[in-house]
Structures are given as C-alpha cells and as structure tokens.
Amino acid sequence: MKQYLLFLLLASAGLSVSAQVVDVNPLAEWKFIRSQELELQDRSIYQFEFPADTAYEYLINLTIKEANIETFIAVTDLQNKPIGGSSLEQKREQLQFEVPALDTYRISLIYKGPSTDDGRTPITVTLIRRPSIN
C-alpha cells in the first residue's frame, strides 16, 4: 500500500512539474510560463510572481473578450522596482520585457471598464518565454 501511494505521489508531482512550462513554438524555443483565464473585477489588481532568467525575453499578453476595457500591466522585482519601462500609468494589452538578473519578478494587472460595465471582465493572461536575441 505504501509503495502504491508513493508511486501516485511521484507521478502526480511529475505531471505538475511538466505542466508548468509548455512549448509554444518548439523550433524557436518559445515556451508558455503561464496561461490562465481570469475574471477581473473593476479597479482590482491581480498579481503573480514568476522566476525569470536574463537569457530570455518575456512577453505578456492579455486577451480581453469585451470592448472598451482599459488594461494596465506592470513588471517589478520583489522590492517593487520597475523592470524595463513597465508602469501602471500606460494602458497596455501586451508587454515585452527582459529582466536584469536571474530572480523572481512580479506582474501586476489592473483593468478599468466603462461606466456601463457590470464590473467583471473575462481576461486570458499569457506569459511566454523566448530566447533573448542580442
């Protein structure tokens, strides 16, 4: 029984690890770091952290299923220092950036809907990693 339980535990750990980084374009070595469906509430902030490496460029893309939505993206280190010209003052649905060091970084998303909006908006957040070309 213990062996069976140990096997299930190891198998599930292996599946969860392999599911975190998925190939987007294997020939160009693009990989999904994160792809998630969200339902953001008006004027709320959604944040997540991810490990990043200087050997890669990162591309975050927001796919919004409603019109007249203003979205903002910011990338910071864990001490809230802005990375690569990102800020919450510029409206964006896509942001390409590089990181200055091998570290963990935070992405913050905020959206503002029109006054006639119901206050909830479905958004798909995609973070892609690709080799840096210098």
N, C-alpha and C. Protein backbone atom coordinates (compact mmCIF):
# COMPACT_ATOMS: atom_id res chain seq x y z
N MET A 1 0.82 -1.19 0.00
CA MET A 1 0.00 0.00 0.00
C MET A 1 0.87 1.26 0.00
N LYS A 2 1.94 1.27 0.81
CA LYS A 2 2.82 2.42 0.87
C LYS A 2 3.51 2.65 -0.48
N GLN A 3 3.90 1.55 -1.15
CA GLN A 3 4.56 1.68 -2.45
C GLN A 3 3.60 2.28 -3.47
N TYR A 4 2.36 1.86 -3.45
CA TYR A 4 1.35 2.36 -4.38
C TYR A 4 1.12 3.85 -4.13
N LEU A 5 1.01 4.25 -2.87
CA LEU A 5 0.80 5.65 -2.52
C LEU A 5 2.00 6.50 -2.92
N LEU A 6 3.21 5.99 -2.71
CA LEU A 6 4.42 6.69 -3.09
C LEU A 6 4.48 6.87 -4.62
N PHE A 7 4.11 5.81 -5.36
CA PHE A 7 4.09 5.89 -6.81
C PHE A 7 3.11 6.97 -7.28
N LEU A 8 1.91 7.03 -6.71
CA LEU A 8 0.93 8.05 -7.09
C LEU A 8 1.43 9.45 -6.77
N LEU A 9 2.07 9.60 -5.64
CA LEU A 9 2.61 10.89 -5.25
C LEU A 9 3.69 11.36 -6.23
N LEU A 10 4.61 10.48 -6.57
CA LEU A 10 5.67 10.83 -7.52
C LEU A 10 5.13 11.09 -8.91
N ALA A 11 4.15 10.31 -9.34
CA ALA A 11 3.56 10.51 -10.66
C ALA A 11 2.84 11.85 -10.74
N SER A 12 2.09 12.21 -9.71
CA SER A 12 1.39 13.49 -9.73
C SER A 12 2.37 14.66 -9.66
N ALA A 13 3.46 14.52 -8.92
CA ALA A 13 4.47 15.58 -8.87
C ALA A 13 5.11 15.76 -10.23
N GLY A 14 5.38 14.67 -10.93
CA GLY A 14 5.96 14.75 -12.27
C GLY A 14 5.03 15.41 -13.25
N LEU A 15 3.73 15.14 -13.14
CA LEU A 15 2.76 15.78 -14.03
C LEU A 15 2.65 17.27 -13.76
N SER A 16 2.65 17.66 -12.50
CA SER A 16 2.52 19.08 -12.19
C SER A 16 3.75 19.86 -12.64
N VAL A 17 4.93 19.27 -12.54
CA VAL A 17 6.15 19.95 -12.99
C VAL A 17 6.15 20.10 -14.50
N SER A 18 5.78 19.07 -15.23
CA SER A 18 5.82 19.14 -16.68
C SER A 18 4.72 20.04 -17.23
N ALA A 19 3.66 20.29 -16.48
CA ALA A 19 2.56 21.10 -16.97
C ALA A 19 2.83 22.59 -16.83
N GLN A 20 3.86 22.99 -16.11
CA GLN A 20 4.08 24.41 -15.86
C GLN A 20 4.72 25.13 -17.05
N VAL A 21 5.60 24.52 -17.80
CA VAL A 21 6.23 25.14 -18.95
C VAL A 21 5.88 24.30 -20.17
N VAL A 22 5.13 24.90 -21.10
CA VAL A 22 4.63 24.18 -22.26
C VAL A 22 5.18 24.83 -23.52
N ASP A 23 5.58 24.02 -24.50
CA ASP A 23 6.10 24.55 -25.75
C ASP A 23 5.03 25.34 -26.50
N VAL A 24 5.41 26.51 -27.01
CA VAL A 24 4.55 27.30 -27.88
C VAL A 24 5.01 27.06 -29.31
N ASN A 25 6.30 27.24 -29.53
CA ASN A 25 6.93 27.01 -30.83
C ASN A 25 8.26 26.31 -30.56
N PRO A 26 8.27 24.97 -30.59
CA PRO A 26 9.49 24.24 -30.21
C PRO A 26 10.72 24.59 -31.04
N LEU A 27 10.55 24.91 -32.33
CA LEU A 27 11.70 25.23 -33.17
C LEU A 27 12.36 26.55 -32.75
N ALA A 28 11.58 27.49 -32.26
CA ALA A 28 12.12 28.77 -31.82
C ALA A 28 12.34 28.80 -30.32
N GLU A 29 12.07 27.71 -29.63
CA GLU A 29 12.24 27.57 -28.18
C GLU A 29 11.36 28.53 -27.39
N TRP A 30 10.16 28.84 -27.89
CA TRP A 30 9.20 29.63 -27.13
C TRP A 30 8.45 28.70 -26.21
N LYS A 31 8.22 29.12 -24.99
CA LYS A 31 7.50 28.29 -24.03
C LYS A 31 6.51 29.13 -23.24
N PHE A 32 5.35 28.53 -22.95
CA PHE A 32 4.39 29.17 -22.05
C PHE A 32 4.92 29.05 -20.63
N ILE A 33 4.97 30.13 -19.91
CA ILE A 33 5.27 30.10 -18.49
C ILE A 33 3.96 30.00 -17.73
N ARG A 34 2.97 30.75 -18.22
CA ARG A 34 1.67 30.77 -17.56
C ARG A 34 0.62 31.16 -18.59
N SER A 35 -0.50 30.48 -18.55
CA SER A 35 -1.66 30.85 -19.34
C SER A 35 -2.87 30.58 -18.46
N GLN A 36 -3.64 31.62 -18.22
CA GLN A 36 -4.70 31.49 -17.23
C GLN A 36 -5.91 32.34 -17.62
N GLU A 37 -7.09 31.78 -17.44
CA GLU A 37 -8.34 32.51 -17.61
C GLU A 37 -8.68 33.18 -16.29
N LEU A 38 -8.93 34.49 -16.32
CA LEU A 38 -9.28 35.23 -15.12
C LEU A 38 -10.59 35.96 -15.33
N GLU A 39 -11.25 36.26 -14.26
CA GLU A 39 -12.38 37.18 -14.30
C GLU A 39 -12.04 38.31 -13.34
N LEU A 40 -11.52 39.40 -13.91
CA LEU A 40 -11.09 40.51 -13.09
C LEU A 40 -12.27 41.40 -12.71
N GLN A 41 -12.20 41.97 -11.54
CA GLN A 41 -13.22 42.91 -11.10
C GLN A 41 -12.70 44.31 -11.34
N ASP A 42 -13.61 45.23 -11.67
CA ASP A 42 -13.24 46.60 -12.00
C ASP A 42 -12.39 47.22 -10.90
N ARG A 43 -11.30 47.84 -11.32
CA ARG A 43 -10.34 48.54 -10.47
C ARG A 43 -9.68 47.64 -9.42
N SER A 44 -9.57 46.38 -9.72
CA SER A 44 -8.85 45.48 -8.83
C SER A 44 -7.49 45.16 -9.44
N ILE A 45 -6.58 44.70 -8.62
CA ILE A 45 -5.25 44.34 -9.09
C ILE A 45 -5.06 42.84 -8.92
N TYR A 46 -4.56 42.20 -9.98
CA TYR A 46 -4.22 40.78 -9.92
C TYR A 46 -2.70 40.71 -10.06
N GLN A 47 -2.04 40.01 -9.15
CA GLN A 47 -0.59 39.89 -9.18
C GLN A 47 -0.17 38.43 -9.13
N PHE A 48 0.93 38.12 -9.82
CA PHE A 48 1.54 36.81 -9.68
C PHE A 48 3.05 36.95 -9.85
N GLU A 49 3.76 36.01 -9.28
CA GLU A 49 5.22 36.01 -9.33
C GLU A 49 5.70 34.88 -10.22
N PHE A 50 6.86 35.06 -10.82
CA PHE A 50 7.44 34.03 -11.68
C PHE A 50 8.96 34.16 -11.66
N PRO A 51 9.68 33.05 -11.78
CA PRO A 51 11.14 33.11 -11.87
C PRO A 51 11.54 33.47 -13.30
N ALA A 52 12.56 34.31 -13.44
CA ALA A 52 13.00 34.74 -14.77
C ALA A 52 14.52 34.70 -14.86
N ASP A 53 15.00 34.57 -16.10
CA ASP A 53 16.42 34.43 -16.38
C ASP A 53 16.81 35.46 -17.45
N THR A 54 18.03 35.99 -17.35
CA THR A 54 18.49 37.00 -18.31
C THR A 54 18.70 36.44 -19.72
N ALA A 55 18.74 35.15 -19.87
CA ALA A 55 18.94 34.55 -21.19
C ALA A 55 17.66 34.56 -22.03
N TYR A 56 16.57 35.06 -21.47
CA TYR A 56 15.28 35.01 -22.15
C TYR A 56 14.61 36.39 -22.18
N GLU A 57 13.78 36.58 -23.21
CA GLU A 57 12.84 37.70 -23.27
C GLU A 57 11.49 37.15 -22.83
N TYR A 58 10.65 38.02 -22.32
CA TYR A 58 9.33 37.61 -21.86
C TYR A 58 8.28 38.46 -22.55
N LEU A 59 7.17 37.86 -22.83
CA LEU A 59 6.06 38.54 -23.49
C LEU A 59 4.80 38.20 -22.72
N ILE A 60 4.14 39.23 -22.20
CA ILE A 60 2.87 39.01 -21.54
C ILE A 60 1.79 39.59 -22.44
N ASN A 61 0.72 38.83 -22.62
CA ASN A 61 -0.37 39.23 -23.50
C ASN A 61 -1.69 39.04 -22.77
N LEU A 62 -2.56 40.04 -22.88
CA LEU A 62 -3.90 39.95 -22.32
C LEU A 62 -4.90 39.85 -23.46
N THR A 63 -5.75 38.85 -23.43
CA THR A 63 -6.81 38.71 -24.41
C THR A 63 -8.11 39.02 -23.69
N ILE A 64 -8.79 40.07 -24.15
CA ILE A 64 -9.98 40.57 -23.47
C ILE A 64 -11.19 40.30 -24.35
N LYS A 65 -12.25 39.79 -23.74
CA LYS A 65 -13.43 39.38 -24.50
C LYS A 65 -14.52 40.45 -24.50
N GLU A 66 -14.21 41.66 -24.07
CA GLU A 66 -15.18 42.75 -24.07
C GLU A 66 -14.53 43.99 -24.67
N ALA A 67 -15.36 44.92 -25.14
CA ALA A 67 -14.86 46.16 -25.74
C ALA A 67 -14.73 47.25 -24.67
N ASN A 68 -13.97 48.28 -25.00
CA ASN A 68 -13.82 49.48 -24.16
C ASN A 68 -13.26 49.20 -22.77
N ILE A 69 -12.32 48.28 -22.70
CA ILE A 69 -11.67 47.95 -21.44
C ILE A 69 -10.26 48.53 -21.47
N GLU A 70 -9.86 49.24 -20.42
CA GLU A 70 -8.52 49.77 -20.28
C GLU A 70 -7.74 48.83 -19.38
N THR A 71 -6.61 48.32 -19.88
CA THR A 71 -5.79 47.41 -19.09
C THR A 71 -4.41 48.01 -18.88
N PHE A 72 -3.83 47.68 -17.74
CA PHE A 72 -2.52 48.17 -17.37
C PHE A 72 -1.69 46.99 -16.88
N ILE A 73 -0.41 46.96 -17.27
CA ILE A 73 0.50 45.88 -16.87
C ILE A 73 1.76 46.52 -16.29
N ALA A 74 2.21 45.98 -15.17
CA ALA A 74 3.48 46.42 -14.60
C ALA A 74 4.30 45.20 -14.22
N VAL A 75 5.62 45.27 -14.46
CA VAL A 75 6.54 44.22 -14.05
C VAL A 75 7.52 44.85 -13.08
N THR A 76 7.67 44.23 -11.91
CA THR A 76 8.58 44.73 -10.89
C THR A 76 9.36 43.57 -10.30
N ASP A 77 10.47 43.91 -9.63
CA ASP A 77 11.12 42.88 -8.85
C ASP A 77 10.38 42.79 -7.51
N LEU A 78 10.82 41.94 -6.61
CA LEU A 78 10.09 41.75 -5.36
C LEU A 78 10.24 42.93 -4.40
N GLN A 79 11.13 43.88 -4.72
CA GLN A 79 11.24 45.10 -3.93
C GLN A 79 10.46 46.24 -4.59
N ASN A 80 9.61 45.91 -5.56
CA ASN A 80 8.75 46.85 -6.30
C ASN A 80 9.50 47.83 -7.19
N LYS A 81 10.73 47.48 -7.60
CA LYS A 81 11.48 48.30 -8.56
C LYS A 81 10.96 47.96 -9.96
N PRO A 82 10.53 48.96 -10.75
CA PRO A 82 10.02 48.70 -12.10
C PRO A 82 11.09 48.07 -13.00
N ILE A 83 10.65 47.18 -13.87
CA ILE A 83 11.53 46.48 -14.80
C ILE A 83 11.18 46.91 -16.22
N GLY A 84 12.17 47.32 -16.97
CA GLY A 84 12.04 47.54 -18.40
C GLY A 84 10.98 48.51 -18.85
N GLY A 85 10.80 49.62 -18.16
CA GLY A 85 9.88 50.65 -18.63
C GLY A 85 8.42 50.32 -18.46
N SER A 86 8.08 49.31 -17.68
CA SER A 86 6.67 48.99 -17.46
C SER A 86 6.14 49.85 -16.34
N SER A 87 4.89 50.25 -16.44
CA SER A 87 4.27 51.01 -15.37
C SER A 87 2.76 50.86 -15.44
N LEU A 88 2.10 51.22 -14.37
CA LEU A 88 0.64 51.16 -14.34
C LEU A 88 0.02 52.45 -14.87
N GLU A 89 0.84 53.37 -15.39
CA GLU A 89 0.29 54.60 -15.95
C GLU A 89 -0.03 54.45 -17.45
N GLN A 90 0.57 53.47 -18.12
CA GLN A 90 0.34 53.27 -19.55
C GLN A 90 -0.64 52.14 -19.79
N LYS A 91 -1.64 52.41 -20.61
CA LYS A 91 -2.60 51.36 -20.97
C LYS A 91 -1.89 50.38 -21.90
N ARG A 92 -2.04 49.08 -21.61
CA ARG A 92 -1.40 48.06 -22.42
C ARG A 92 -2.23 46.78 -22.43
N GLU A 93 -2.12 46.06 -23.51
CA GLU A 93 -2.66 44.70 -23.57
C GLU A 93 -1.54 43.71 -23.85
N GLN A 94 -0.34 44.22 -24.15
CA GLN A 94 0.80 43.37 -24.42
C GLN A 94 2.06 44.10 -23.95
N LEU A 95 3.00 43.34 -23.39
CA LEU A 95 4.25 43.94 -22.92
C LEU A 95 5.37 42.94 -23.13
N GLN A 96 6.42 43.39 -23.80
CA GLN A 96 7.63 42.59 -23.99
C GLN A 96 8.70 43.17 -23.08
N PHE A 97 9.44 42.32 -22.37
CA PHE A 97 10.44 42.84 -21.45
C PHE A 97 11.54 41.82 -21.24
N GLU A 98 12.68 42.31 -20.75
CA GLU A 98 13.80 41.48 -20.31
C GLU A 98 14.07 41.83 -18.86
N VAL A 99 14.69 40.91 -18.16
CA VAL A 99 14.99 41.13 -16.74
C VAL A 99 16.49 41.37 -16.57
N PRO A 100 16.89 42.16 -15.56
CA PRO A 100 18.30 42.47 -15.38
C PRO A 100 19.11 41.39 -14.68
N ALA A 101 18.42 40.45 -14.00
CA ALA A 101 19.14 39.43 -13.25
C ALA A 101 18.27 38.19 -13.09
N LEU A 102 18.91 37.07 -12.84
CA LEU A 102 18.20 35.83 -12.53
C LEU A 102 17.54 36.03 -11.16
N ASP A 103 16.20 36.06 -11.14
CA ASP A 103 15.50 36.39 -9.91
C ASP A 103 14.01 36.06 -10.08
N THR A 104 13.25 36.38 -9.06
CA THR A 104 11.79 36.24 -9.12
C THR A 104 11.20 37.63 -9.31
N TYR A 105 10.22 37.73 -10.21
CA TYR A 105 9.61 39.01 -10.54
C TYR A 105 8.10 38.92 -10.36
N ARG A 106 7.47 40.10 -10.29
CA ARG A 106 6.03 40.17 -10.07
C ARG A 106 5.38 40.91 -11.24
N ILE A 107 4.29 40.35 -11.73
CA ILE A 107 3.48 41.02 -12.74
C ILE A 107 2.19 41.46 -12.08
N SER A 108 1.82 42.73 -12.30
CA SER A 108 0.58 43.28 -11.76
C SER A 108 -0.32 43.68 -12.93
N LEU A 109 -1.57 43.29 -12.86
CA LEU A 109 -2.56 43.62 -13.89
C LEU A 109 -3.70 44.37 -13.24
N ILE A 110 -4.17 45.40 -13.92
CA ILE A 110 -5.34 46.13 -13.44
C ILE A 110 -6.18 46.48 -14.66
N TYR A 111 -7.48 46.52 -14.49
CA TYR A 111 -8.31 46.93 -15.61
C TYR A 111 -9.38 47.89 -15.11
N LYS A 112 -9.81 48.75 -16.04
CA LYS A 112 -10.88 49.68 -15.75
C LYS A 112 -11.88 49.58 -16.89
N GLY A 113 -13.11 49.28 -16.54
CA GLY A 113 -14.16 49.16 -17.54
C GLY A 113 -14.96 50.44 -17.68
N PRO A 114 -15.80 50.51 -18.71
CA PRO A 114 -16.65 51.70 -18.87
C PRO A 114 -17.70 51.76 -17.75
N SER A 115 -18.32 52.92 -17.60
CA SER A 115 -19.31 53.09 -16.52
C SER A 115 -20.51 52.16 -16.68
N THR A 116 -20.78 51.70 -17.89
CA THR A 116 -21.91 50.79 -18.12
C THR A 116 -21.52 49.33 -17.92
N ASP A 117 -20.27 49.09 -17.59
CA ASP A 117 -19.76 47.73 -17.41
C ASP A 117 -20.34 47.11 -16.14
N ASP A 118 -20.48 45.79 -16.15
CA ASP A 118 -21.02 45.09 -14.98
C ASP A 118 -19.97 44.89 -13.88
N GLY A 119 -18.73 45.35 -14.11
CA GLY A 119 -17.69 45.26 -13.09
C GLY A 119 -16.87 43.99 -13.14
N ARG A 120 -17.16 43.09 -14.06
CA ARG A 120 -16.39 41.84 -14.19
C ARG A 120 -16.06 41.64 -15.67
N THR A 121 -14.81 41.25 -15.91
CA THR A 121 -14.36 41.06 -17.28
C THR A 121 -13.52 39.80 -17.39
N PRO A 122 -13.90 38.87 -18.29
CA PRO A 122 -13.05 37.70 -18.51
C PRO A 122 -11.81 38.09 -19.33
N ILE A 123 -10.65 37.72 -18.83
CA ILE A 123 -9.38 38.05 -19.47
C ILE A 123 -8.52 36.79 -19.47
N THR A 124 -7.83 36.53 -20.59
CA THR A 124 -6.85 35.45 -20.65
C THR A 124 -5.47 36.08 -20.55
N VAL A 125 -4.70 35.64 -19.57
CA VAL A 125 -3.34 36.14 -19.35
C VAL A 125 -2.37 35.07 -19.84
N THR A 126 -1.46 35.47 -20.72
CA THR A 126 -0.46 34.54 -21.24
C THR A 126 0.92 35.15 -21.06
N LEU A 127 1.81 34.39 -20.44
CA LEU A 127 3.21 34.80 -20.28
C LEU A 127 4.07 33.80 -21.03
N ILE A 128 4.85 34.30 -22.00
CA ILE A 128 5.68 33.45 -22.85
C ILE A 128 7.14 33.81 -22.64
N ARG A 129 7.98 32.80 -22.63
CA ARG A 129 9.43 32.96 -22.52
C ARG A 129 10.05 32.55 -23.85
N ARG A 130 10.98 33.37 -24.35
CA ARG A 130 11.69 33.03 -25.59
C ARG A 130 13.15 33.43 -25.46
N PRO A 131 14.04 32.73 -26.13
CA PRO A 131 15.47 33.06 -26.02
C PRO A 131 15.73 34.50 -26.43
N SER A 132 16.59 35.17 -25.70
CA SER A 132 16.94 36.55 -26.00
C SER A 132 17.89 36.58 -27.19
N ILE A 133 17.64 37.50 -28.11
CA ILE A 133 18.49 37.64 -29.30
C ILE A 133 19.27 38.93 -29.17
N ASN A 134 20.57 38.82 -29.03
CA ASN A 134 21.41 40.03 -28.88
C ASN A 134 22.34 40.18 -30.05
